[in-house]
Protein backbone atom coordinates (compact mmCIF):
# COMPACT_ATOMS: atom_id res chain seq x y z
CA MET A 1 0.37 -0.23 0.08
CA LYS A 2 1.41 3.46 -0.76
CA ASN A 3 1.72 6.24 1.22
CA LYS A 4 1.79 4.13 4.16
CA GLN A 5 3.99 6.29 6.27
CA ALA A 6 1.47 8.89 5.80
CA LEU A 7 -1.73 6.85 6.68
CA ALA A 8 0.19 5.92 9.94
CA LEU A 9 1.08 9.83 10.87
CA LEU A 10 -2.66 10.51 9.91
CA PHE A 11 -3.88 7.56 12.31
CA THR A 12 -1.59 8.45 15.18
CA ALA A 13 -2.47 12.04 15.22
CA ASN A 14 -5.97 11.22 14.76
CA GLY A 15 -5.55 8.77 18.21
CA ILE A 16 -3.70 10.98 20.20
CA SER A 17 -6.16 13.86 20.03
CA GLY A 18 -9.41 11.52 20.37
CA PHE A 19 -7.89 9.51 23.55
CA ALA A 20 -8.04 13.43 25.22
CA GLN A 21 -11.09 14.17 23.51
CA GLY A 22 -12.89 11.64 24.68
CA VAL A 23 -12.03 11.72 28.14
CA SER A 24 -13.72 15.47 27.78
CA MET A 25 -16.94 13.86 26.40
CA LEU A 26 -17.42 11.51 28.96
CA ALA A 27 -16.39 13.82 31.54
CA ILE A 28 -18.54 17.39 30.53
CA PRO A 29 -22.42 15.21 30.60
CA TRP A 30 -21.26 13.34 34.16
CA TYR A 31 -20.08 16.94 35.23
CA PHE A 32 -23.51 17.92 34.97
CA ALA A 33 -25.36 15.23 35.72
CA GLN A 34 -23.44 15.16 39.19
CA GLN A 35 -24.67 18.26 39.68
CA SER A 36 -28.39 17.49 38.47
CA LEU A 37 -27.96 19.83 35.90
CA SER A 38 -28.87 17.53 33.48
CA SER A 39 -31.92 19.37 32.03
CA ARG A 40 -29.29 22.50 31.42
CA PHE A 41 -26.66 20.72 29.83
CA ASN A 42 -29.24 19.05 27.61
CA LEU A 43 -30.94 22.40 26.13
CA MET A 44 -27.72 23.70 25.45
CA TYR A 45 -26.10 20.17 23.88
CA ALA A 46 -29.13 21.12 21.72
CA ILE A 47 -28.64 24.46 20.73
CA ALA A 48 -24.58 23.63 19.73
CA THR A 49 -26.14 20.70 17.27
CA PHE A 50 -28.26 22.91 15.91
CA CYS A 51 -25.31 25.54 15.18
CA THR A 52 -23.17 23.19 13.97
CA LEU A 53 -26.43 22.45 11.22
CA PHE A 54 -25.05 25.71 9.08
CA TRP A 55 -21.15 25.74 10.19
CA GLY A 56 -21.30 21.76 8.57
CA LEU A 57 -22.27 22.46 5.40
CA TYR A 58 -19.71 25.35 4.91
CA ALA A 59 -16.88 23.18 6.66
CA GLY A 60 -17.77 20.44 4.04
CA SER A 61 -17.07 22.92 1.18
CA LEU A 62 -13.41 23.70 2.89
CA VAL A 63 -12.44 20.06 2.83
CA ASP A 64 -12.83 20.22 -0.72
CA ARG A 65 -11.75 23.74 -0.98
CA PHE A 66 -8.37 23.87 0.78
CA PRO A 67 -5.28 21.06 1.21
CA ARG A 68 -7.21 18.79 4.39
CA LYS A 69 -3.57 18.78 5.45
CA THR A 70 -3.94 22.48 5.67
CA VAL A 71 -7.55 21.75 7.33
CA PHE A 72 -6.05 19.59 10.11
CA LEU A 73 -3.13 21.91 11.11
CA THR A 74 -5.45 25.08 11.71
CA THR A 75 -8.24 23.78 13.16
CA ASN A 76 -6.20 21.74 15.60
CA ILE A 77 -4.45 24.51 16.40
CA THR A 78 -7.85 26.75 17.02
CA GLU A 79 -9.51 24.41 19.37
CA GLY A 80 -6.05 23.48 21.48
CA THR A 81 -5.59 27.30 21.92
CA VAL A 82 -9.68 27.94 22.86
CA VAL A 83 -9.46 24.59 25.17
CA LEU A 84 -5.94 25.61 27.00
CA ALA A 85 -6.99 29.63 27.31
CA ILE A 86 -10.27 27.78 29.40
CA ALA A 87 -7.73 24.91 31.36
CA ALA A 88 -6.14 28.00 31.92
CA ILE A 89 -8.48 30.10 33.62
CA GLY A 90 -9.59 27.01 35.82
CA PHE A 91 -6.50 26.16 37.23
CA TRP A 92 -5.80 30.33 38.11
CA GLN A 93 -9.70 30.59 39.97
CA GLN A 94 -9.74 27.12 40.33
CA ALA A 95 -13.26 26.58 39.12
CA LEU A 96 -14.74 26.99 36.31
CA PRO A 97 -18.80 28.39 35.54
CA TRP A 98 -20.88 26.22 33.39
CA TYR A 99 -21.00 28.44 30.61
CA LEU A 100 -17.28 27.29 29.98
CA VAL A 101 -17.58 24.33 30.47
CA ILE A 102 -20.45 24.13 27.70
CA LEU A 103 -17.69 25.57 25.37
CA VAL A 104 -15.04 23.25 25.85
CA PHE A 105 -18.53 20.86 24.89
CA GLY A 106 -19.73 22.94 22.02
CA VAL A 107 -15.64 23.94 20.17
CA THR A 108 -15.25 20.02 20.20
CA ILE A 109 -18.54 19.82 18.29
CA PHE A 110 -17.93 22.09 15.44
CA GLY A 111 -14.41 20.45 15.75
CA TYR A 112 -16.61 17.58 14.55
CA GLN A 113 -18.43 18.71 12.47
CA ILE A 114 -14.67 19.30 9.94
CA HIS A 115 -12.43 16.85 11.47
CA TYR A 116 -14.54 13.79 10.31
CA PRO A 117 -14.89 14.49 6.48
CA ASN A 118 -11.74 15.28 6.31
CA LEU A 119 -10.04 12.97 7.95
CA TYR A 120 -12.44 10.31 5.32
CA ALA A 121 -11.90 13.06 2.39
CA PHE A 122 -7.69 12.92 3.07
CA ALA A 123 -7.70 8.92 3.99
CA GLN A 124 -9.41 8.65 0.62
CA GLU A 125 -7.87 10.74 -1.09
CA ILE A 126 -4.44 8.84 0.03
CA THR A 127 -5.12 5.46 -0.47
CA LYS A 128 -5.60 3.48 -3.77
CA LYS A 129 -9.36 2.18 -4.46
CA GLY A 130 -8.68 -2.17 -4.11
CA ASN A 131 -7.68 -0.64 -0.55
CA TYR A 132 -10.68 1.83 1.13
CA GLN A 133 -12.60 -0.67 3.12
CA ARG A 134 -8.93 -1.67 4.86
CA VAL A 135 -8.42 1.28 5.42
CA THR A 136 -11.35 2.46 6.98
CA SER A 137 -11.36 -0.52 9.29
CA LEU A 138 -7.79 0.13 9.95
CA LEU A 139 -9.44 3.86 11.06
CA GLU A 140 -11.70 1.88 12.96
CA ILE A 141 -9.56 -0.18 14.75
CA VAL A 142 -7.24 2.86 15.66
CA GLY A 143 -10.21 5.06 16.81
CA GLN A 144 -12.10 2.19 18.89
CA SER A 145 -8.74 1.42 20.51
CA THR A 146 -8.29 5.38 21.55
CA ASN A 147 -11.95 5.04 23.23
CA VAL A 148 -11.07 1.76 24.91
CA GLY A 149 -7.80 4.19 26.77
CA ALA A 150 -10.16 7.11 26.84
CA GLY A 151 -12.93 5.39 28.91
CA LEU A 152 -10.13 3.64 31.46
CA LEU A 153 -9.00 6.79 31.85
CA ALA A 154 -11.75 8.38 31.77
CA ALA A 155 -13.66 5.82 34.79
CA LEU A 156 -9.88 6.37 36.62
CA LEU A 157 -10.47 10.55 36.48
CA LEU A 158 -14.15 10.16 37.53
CA GLU A 159 -13.77 8.84 40.20
CA GLY A 160 -10.91 8.42 41.58
CA LEU A 161 -8.81 5.30 43.24
CA ASP A 162 -8.08 4.53 46.36
CA TRP A 163 -7.14 0.96 46.38
CA GLN A 164 -5.04 -0.48 49.85
CA GLN A 165 -4.43 -4.16 50.38
CA THR A 166 -1.81 -6.39 52.16
CA LEU A 167 0.30 -8.99 51.01
CA ARG A 168 1.15 -11.74 53.21
CA LEU A 169 4.70 -13.45 52.64
CA GLY A 170 4.61 -15.98 55.45
CA SER A 171 5.18 -14.00 58.61
CA LEU A 172 5.91 -11.06 56.63
CA GLU A 173 3.06 -8.56 55.45
CA ILE A 174 4.05 -5.69 52.98
CA PRO A 175 1.32 -3.32 52.78
CA LEU A 176 -0.04 -2.43 49.03
CA SER A 177 -1.92 0.92 47.67
CA LEU A 178 -2.72 3.06 44.50
CA HIS A 179 -4.19 6.33 45.14
CA ILE A 180 -5.05 7.95 42.04
CA PRO A 181 -6.55 11.55 43.01
CA ARG A 182 -9.90 13.02 40.94
CA TRP A 183 -9.36 15.19 38.69
CA THR A 184 -10.73 18.56 38.71
CA ILE A 185 -12.66 19.51 34.40
CA TRP A 186 -10.16 22.34 33.97
CA GLU A 187 -7.19 19.72 34.52
CA ILE A 188 -8.94 17.07 31.66
CA PHE A 189 -9.00 20.33 29.90
CA ALA A 190 -5.68 20.59 30.23
CA LEU A 191 -4.90 17.52 28.84
CA ASP A 192 -7.19 17.97 25.77
CA GLY A 193 -5.94 20.83 25.09
CA ALA A 194 -2.25 20.04 24.76
CA THR A 195 -3.10 16.86 22.42
CA TYR A 196 -3.82 19.49 19.78
CA PHE A 197 -0.96 20.35 19.53
CA VAL A 198 0.60 17.06 19.45
CA SER A 199 -1.42 16.05 16.78
CA SER A 200 -0.42 18.95 14.57
CA CYS A 201 2.90 18.25 14.80
CA LEU A 202 2.63 14.68 13.78
CA ILE A 203 -0.02 16.34 10.97
CA ALA A 204 3.28 18.49 9.78
CA LEU A 205 5.68 15.14 9.21
CA ILE A 206 2.93 13.84 6.86
CA ARG A 207 4.43 13.35 3.19
CA TYR A 208 1.93 11.53 0.86
CA VAL A 209 2.10 10.89 -3.03
CA PRO A 210 -2.35 11.37 -3.97
CA GLN A 211 -4.05 8.26 -5.25
CA THR A 212 -6.97 9.91 -7.08
CA GLN A 213 -6.77 13.44 -9.42
CA PHE A 214 -9.05 15.90 -9.64
CA GLU A 215 -10.12 19.29 -10.17
CA ILE A 216 -11.22 21.95 -7.20
CA GLU A 217 -14.13 24.05 -7.99
CA VAL A 218 -13.37 27.70 -6.78
CA GLY A 219 -16.66 29.18 -7.38
CA ASN A 220 -18.09 30.74 -4.27
CA VAL A 221 -19.51 28.45 -1.58
CA PHE A 222 -22.84 28.11 -2.57
CA LYS A 223 -21.85 27.26 -5.87
CA ARG A 224 -19.77 24.79 -4.41
CA ILE A 225 -22.59 23.59 -1.64
CA ARG A 226 -25.03 23.00 -4.28
CA THR A 227 -22.59 20.81 -6.10
CA GLY A 228 -22.63 18.13 -3.24
CA ILE A 229 -26.29 18.45 -3.11
CA THR A 230 -27.04 17.90 -7.24
CA PHE A 231 -24.60 14.58 -6.63
CA LEU A 232 -27.03 12.94 -4.44
CA GLN A 233 -29.92 13.81 -6.11
CA GLN A 234 -28.78 12.29 -9.20
CA ASN A 235 -27.61 9.55 -7.05
CA ARG A 236 -30.59 8.26 -5.25
CA THR A 237 -29.80 5.38 -4.00
CA VAL A 238 -26.43 6.85 -2.18
CA LEU A 239 -28.33 9.45 -0.58
CA ILE A 240 -30.79 6.91 0.71
CA PHE A 241 -28.22 4.66 1.66
CA GLY A 242 -26.16 7.01 3.01
CA LEU A 243 -29.40 8.69 5.45
CA LEU A 244 -31.17 5.32 6.68
CA SER A 245 -27.79 3.38 7.66
CA TYR A 246 -27.12 7.22 10.07
CA SER A 247 -29.77 6.18 12.11
CA VAL A 248 -28.21 4.50 14.86
CA PHE A 249 -25.37 6.36 14.85
CA VAL A 250 -27.51 9.51 15.41
CA VAL A 251 -28.58 7.63 18.58
CA VAL A 252 -25.40 6.60 20.11
CA LEU A 253 -24.34 10.14 20.20
CA VAL A 254 -27.19 10.88 21.74
CA GLU A 255 -27.13 8.05 24.25
CA LEU A 256 -23.82 8.52 25.55
CA HIS A 257 -24.12 12.27 26.13
CA ALA A 258 -27.83 13.15 26.87
CA VAL A 259 -29.11 10.13 27.65
CA ALA A 260 -26.43 7.18 29.32
CA PRO A 261 -25.74 9.77 32.47
CA ILE A 262 -29.04 10.15 33.78
CA TYR A 263 -30.13 6.59 33.57
CA ILE A 264 -26.51 5.56 35.22
CA THR A 265 -27.38 7.71 37.93
CA ASN A 266 -31.31 7.97 37.92
CA HIS A 267 -32.24 4.22 36.70
CA LEU A 268 -28.96 2.69 38.40
CA GLN A 269 -27.78 4.16 40.78
CA GLN A 270 -24.13 3.82 40.39
CA GLY A 271 -21.63 6.09 39.67
CA GLY A 272 -19.31 8.01 36.96
CA GLY A 273 -17.12 4.50 37.37
CA VAL A 274 -19.74 2.58 34.98
CA LEU A 275 -19.87 5.39 32.45
CA GLY A 276 -16.12 4.72 31.81
CA THR A 277 -16.19 1.16 31.59
CA MET A 278 -19.85 1.50 29.74
CA GLU A 279 -17.42 3.46 26.98
CA VAL A 280 -14.50 0.77 27.73
CA LEU A 281 -16.99 -2.09 26.21
CA TYR A 282 -18.91 0.04 23.76
CA ALA A 283 -15.14 0.67 22.24
CA MET A 284 -14.01 -3.08 22.80
CA GLY A 285 -16.98 -4.27 20.70
CA ALA A 286 -16.22 -1.28 18.31
CA LEU A 287 -12.94 -2.95 17.98
CA SER A 288 -13.91 -6.24 17.41
CA ALA A 289 -16.65 -4.84 14.81
CA GLY A 290 -13.24 -2.98 12.84
CA VAL A 291 -11.45 -6.45 13.16
CA GLY A 292 -14.19 -9.06 12.02
CA VAL A 293 -16.90 -7.12 10.12
CA ARG A 294 -15.17 -7.17 6.75
CA TRP A 295 -14.82 -11.12 7.60
CA LEU A 296 -17.81 -12.11 8.83
CA PHE A 297 -19.98 -10.74 6.60
CA ARG A 298 -17.93 -11.29 3.18
CA SER A 299 -20.56 -13.12 1.16
CA LYS A 300 -22.96 -10.22 1.63
CA GLN A 301 -23.66 -7.24 0.10
CA VAL A 302 -23.31 -3.89 1.80
CA VAL A 303 -27.11 -3.23 2.46
CA LYS A 304 -27.05 -6.99 4.01
CA ALA A 305 -24.80 -7.13 6.26
CA VAL A 306 -25.84 -3.36 7.24
CA ILE A 307 -29.70 -4.54 7.67
CA LEU A 308 -28.23 -7.05 10.61
CA LEU A 309 -26.53 -4.91 12.58
CA MET A 310 -29.13 -2.59 12.21
CA MET A 311 -31.42 -5.49 13.62
CA LEU A 312 -28.55 -5.76 16.58
CA ALA A 313 -29.03 -2.34 17.63
CA VAL A 314 -32.68 -2.32 17.80
CA PHE A 315 -32.71 -5.63 19.95
CA SER A 316 -29.77 -3.65 22.42
CA LEU A 317 -31.83 -0.76 22.90
CA GLY A 318 -34.86 -2.33 23.47
CA VAL A 319 -33.25 -4.73 26.39
CA LEU A 320 -32.59 -1.43 28.03
CA ALA A 321 -35.79 0.48 27.77
CA PHE A 322 -37.19 -3.32 29.97
CA THR A 323 -34.35 -3.54 32.39
CA GLN A 324 -32.58 -2.31 35.24
CA SER A 325 -29.26 -4.33 35.45
CA VAL A 326 -25.52 -2.89 35.50
CA VAL A 327 -24.99 -6.12 33.70
CA ILE A 328 -27.16 -5.74 31.02
CA PHE A 329 -25.46 -2.43 30.37
CA LEU A 330 -22.70 -2.91 30.01
CA GLY A 331 -22.91 -6.06 27.69
CA VAL A 332 -25.47 -3.63 25.52
CA GLY A 333 -22.25 -0.71 25.41
CA LEU A 334 -20.69 -4.03 24.24
CA LEU A 335 -22.88 -4.79 20.97
CA ILE A 336 -23.85 -1.34 19.93
CA GLY A 337 -20.59 -0.63 19.57
CA PHE A 338 -20.12 -3.65 18.15
CA SER A 339 -23.25 -2.42 15.62
CA ASN A 340 -22.40 1.40 15.00
CA SER A 341 -18.58 0.47 13.89
CA GLY A 342 -19.78 -2.58 12.06
CA ILE A 343 -22.15 0.01 9.42
CA ARG A 344 -19.55 2.82 9.71
CA ILE A 345 -17.06 0.43 8.10
CA LEU A 346 -19.40 -0.84 5.56
CA ARG A 347 -21.01 2.85 5.35
CA VAL A 348 -17.55 4.69 4.93
CA ALA A 349 -16.63 1.88 2.00
CA TYR A 350 -19.23 2.11 -0.11
CA LEU A 351 -19.37 6.30 0.19
CA PHE A 352 -15.55 5.72 -0.97
CA GLU A 353 -16.36 3.62 -3.92
CA ASN A 354 -19.06 5.37 -5.23
CA ILE A 355 -18.58 9.26 -4.91
CA PRO A 356 -15.88 11.17 -6.31
CA ASN A 357 -12.64 12.65 -4.16
CA ASN A 358 -13.19 16.25 -4.87
CA ILE A 359 -17.14 16.85 -3.44
CA ILE A 360 -16.78 14.04 -0.85
CA GLY A 361 -16.37 17.23 1.50
CA ARG A 362 -19.85 17.94 0.74
CA THR A 363 -21.55 14.78 0.76
CA ASN A 364 -20.51 14.49 4.25
CA SER A 365 -21.61 17.69 4.93
CA VAL A 366 -25.50 16.72 3.49
CA PHE A 367 -25.63 13.41 5.41
CA SER A 368 -24.28 15.52 8.21
CA MET A 369 -26.67 18.33 8.39
CA ALA A 370 -29.33 15.28 8.60
CA ASN A 371 -27.82 13.68 11.74
CA ILE A 372 -27.78 17.28 13.15
CA MET A 373 -31.54 17.65 12.67
CA MET A 374 -32.33 13.64 13.79
CA ARG A 375 -29.35 14.66 16.69
CA VAL A 376 -31.12 17.95 17.89
CA GLY A 377 -34.77 16.55 17.86
CA PHE A 378 -34.21 14.00 20.45
CA ILE A 379 -32.01 16.09 22.56
CA LEU A 380 -34.69 19.10 23.49
CA LEU A 381 -36.93 15.94 23.90
CA PHE A 382 -35.23 14.30 26.59
CA SER A 383 -33.90 17.25 28.04
CA ASN A 384 -37.40 17.96 28.96
CA ALA A 385 -37.93 17.57 32.49
CA TYR A 386 -39.83 14.34 32.73
CA PHE A 387 -36.82 12.38 31.54
CA SER A 388 -34.57 13.70 34.51
CA GLN A 389 -37.23 12.14 37.18
CA GLY A 390 -37.32 8.43 38.67
CA SER A 391 -36.44 6.11 35.87
CA ASN A 392 -38.68 7.46 33.31
CA ILE A 393 -35.22 7.86 31.64
CA VAL A 394 -35.78 4.25 30.20
CA TRP A 395 -38.91 5.57 27.88
CA ALA A 396 -35.19 7.61 25.89
CA TYR A 397 -33.57 3.92 25.49
CA GLY A 398 -37.66 3.03 23.71
CA ILE A 399 -37.78 6.14 21.59
CA MET A 400 -34.47 5.39 20.12
CA ALA A 401 -35.27 1.68 19.58
CA LEU A 402 -38.24 2.85 17.48
CA PHE A 403 -36.42 5.35 15.37
CA VAL A 404 -33.86 3.14 14.57
CA LEU A 405 -36.80 0.53 13.54
CA THR A 406 -38.40 2.69 11.06
CA ALA A 407 -34.96 3.37 9.72
CA LEU A 408 -34.63 -0.56 9.01
CA VAL A 409 -37.59 -0.75 7.77
CA LEU A 410 -37.58 1.92 4.77
CA LEU A 411 -33.64 0.49 4.15
CA VAL A 412 -34.97 -3.10 3.65
CA PHE A 413 -38.50 -1.79 1.33
CA GLN A 414 -35.32 0.08 -0.57
CA TYR A 415 -33.02 -3.03 -0.61
CA LEU A 416 -36.57 -4.97 -2.24
CA LYS A 417 -37.84 -2.49 -4.44
CA PRO A 418 -35.35 -3.29 -7.05
CA PHE A 419 -36.55 -7.08 -7.25
CA LEU A 420 -40.41 -5.49 -7.06
CA ASP A 421 -39.68 -3.30 -9.49
CA LYS A 422 -38.64 -6.29 -11.44
CA ASP A 423 -42.42 -7.56 -11.55
CA GLY A 424 -43.40 -4.74 -12.33
CA GLY A 425 -41.13 -5.20 -15.46
CA SER A 426 -40.95 -1.72 -17.36
CA SER A 427 -40.88 0.35 -13.73
CA ALA A 428 -37.50 -1.60 -13.30
CA SER A 429 -35.88 0.09 -16.36
CA SER A 430 -37.10 3.23 -15.06
CA ALA A 431 -35.51 2.68 -11.71
CA ALA A 432 -31.99 1.34 -12.85
CA VAL A 433 -31.64 5.09 -14.26
CA ARG A 434 -31.81 6.51 -10.66
CA THR A 435 -30.34 3.92 -8.75
CA ARG A 436 -26.80 1.69 -8.23
CA PRO A 437 -26.56 -1.78 -6.99
CA PHE A 438 -25.67 -1.95 -4.06
CA PRO A 439 -22.02 -3.58 -4.19
CA LYS A 440 -20.95 -6.59 -2.20
CA LEU A 441 -18.64 -6.69 0.26
CA LYS A 442 -14.52 -7.08 -0.81
CA ARG A 443 -12.58 -9.83 0.50
CA LYS A 444 -8.92 -8.57 2.38
CA PRO A 445 -6.68 -7.14 -0.72
CA SER A 446 -4.17 -9.84 -1.16
CA SER A 447 -0.44 -7.86 -0.89
CA ARG A 448 0.02 -7.35 -4.45
CA ALA A 449 -3.20 -5.19 -4.54
CA SER A 450 -2.07 -3.43 -1.55
CA GLY A 451 0.98 -3.17 -2.91
């Protein structure tokens, strides 16, 4: 595979910054949950998410307009400066007002809207077409390995650790102890901000040869955005699959930031260690998907594999709506991690195959816009005080399971539609004009194909 060093640096930089980001994004909702301010957090989360609706479209045009390496450096340095400045205020005053904590959350969410489209576009640009599924799997493996570490660290930092034990060797007793103090929110932010600059240094070292040749569109912003929308209108199968396969990702983000902290605190009546452990198990499930999803579904079409994974997600979310068990909650985290990660690997590889590199940033922004609108709706709904009372939060899991089930039914119908049209005779030809067939998964490339 060409550009191996460039890909290695890209994966490493993404992993380092994602590690500390993961700790912060777990710590912030937990910080508000512990102060019984989850409703306020969810409202601010909804507002921040809604604001990214407009930023996301513009961010996609930036990804396709400027060198992806430059975009990475600019965004990392900007975000790192803001987060470190807020951490410095915390160290100076030994406290942070809630709105500055939310600001870090907002900056991170805004950063995601350009970071991930840019990451995938950059990976596509420096990868040969035959290696797309391999690279998307590696991206998932690195990202989820990072999340395992972030979850473990969050579990320690949010609650601290005070362990004491005595080791007996015959008549000799050796006292053992390990004490890790609970970190303040600004100490976590300091770690987060520093990793942005470490990531920037690694990105600056990247040297690569583009594997796709394309012409950069230099028109005004609205014209560039319209190009991406027009492409999706002319490729309806890509549009429909891209939207419906996003449903699990939507509910996973809502669950992690707006639902799980309340579920753990009110319904399970547990502490921050459960949240960190759930994140670790989620990441382990996602990591296993990164390693094995191509092998597990090697003989199936992409849409069939995604349908099966969405069914797993519906089952997992439904279970949490009807149970009250820490063990089941953690086990479901493992299953949802596998489902969401597996869908993302298949989805991204499919988009790489079917969308030209010079407009992939803008088309991803269209999908991101739909994702944001759905998340805003859920977050506003779950910010209602009703869901923060007693065990009412279980209804949130039931609602999310129904949402994914609806997307699943629509995707099944989209998959069956060509067969129904074929039975209908002449309608099949018109459908063929508007849609592309869903491709089968490719086996792992041979060493010759890997270059």
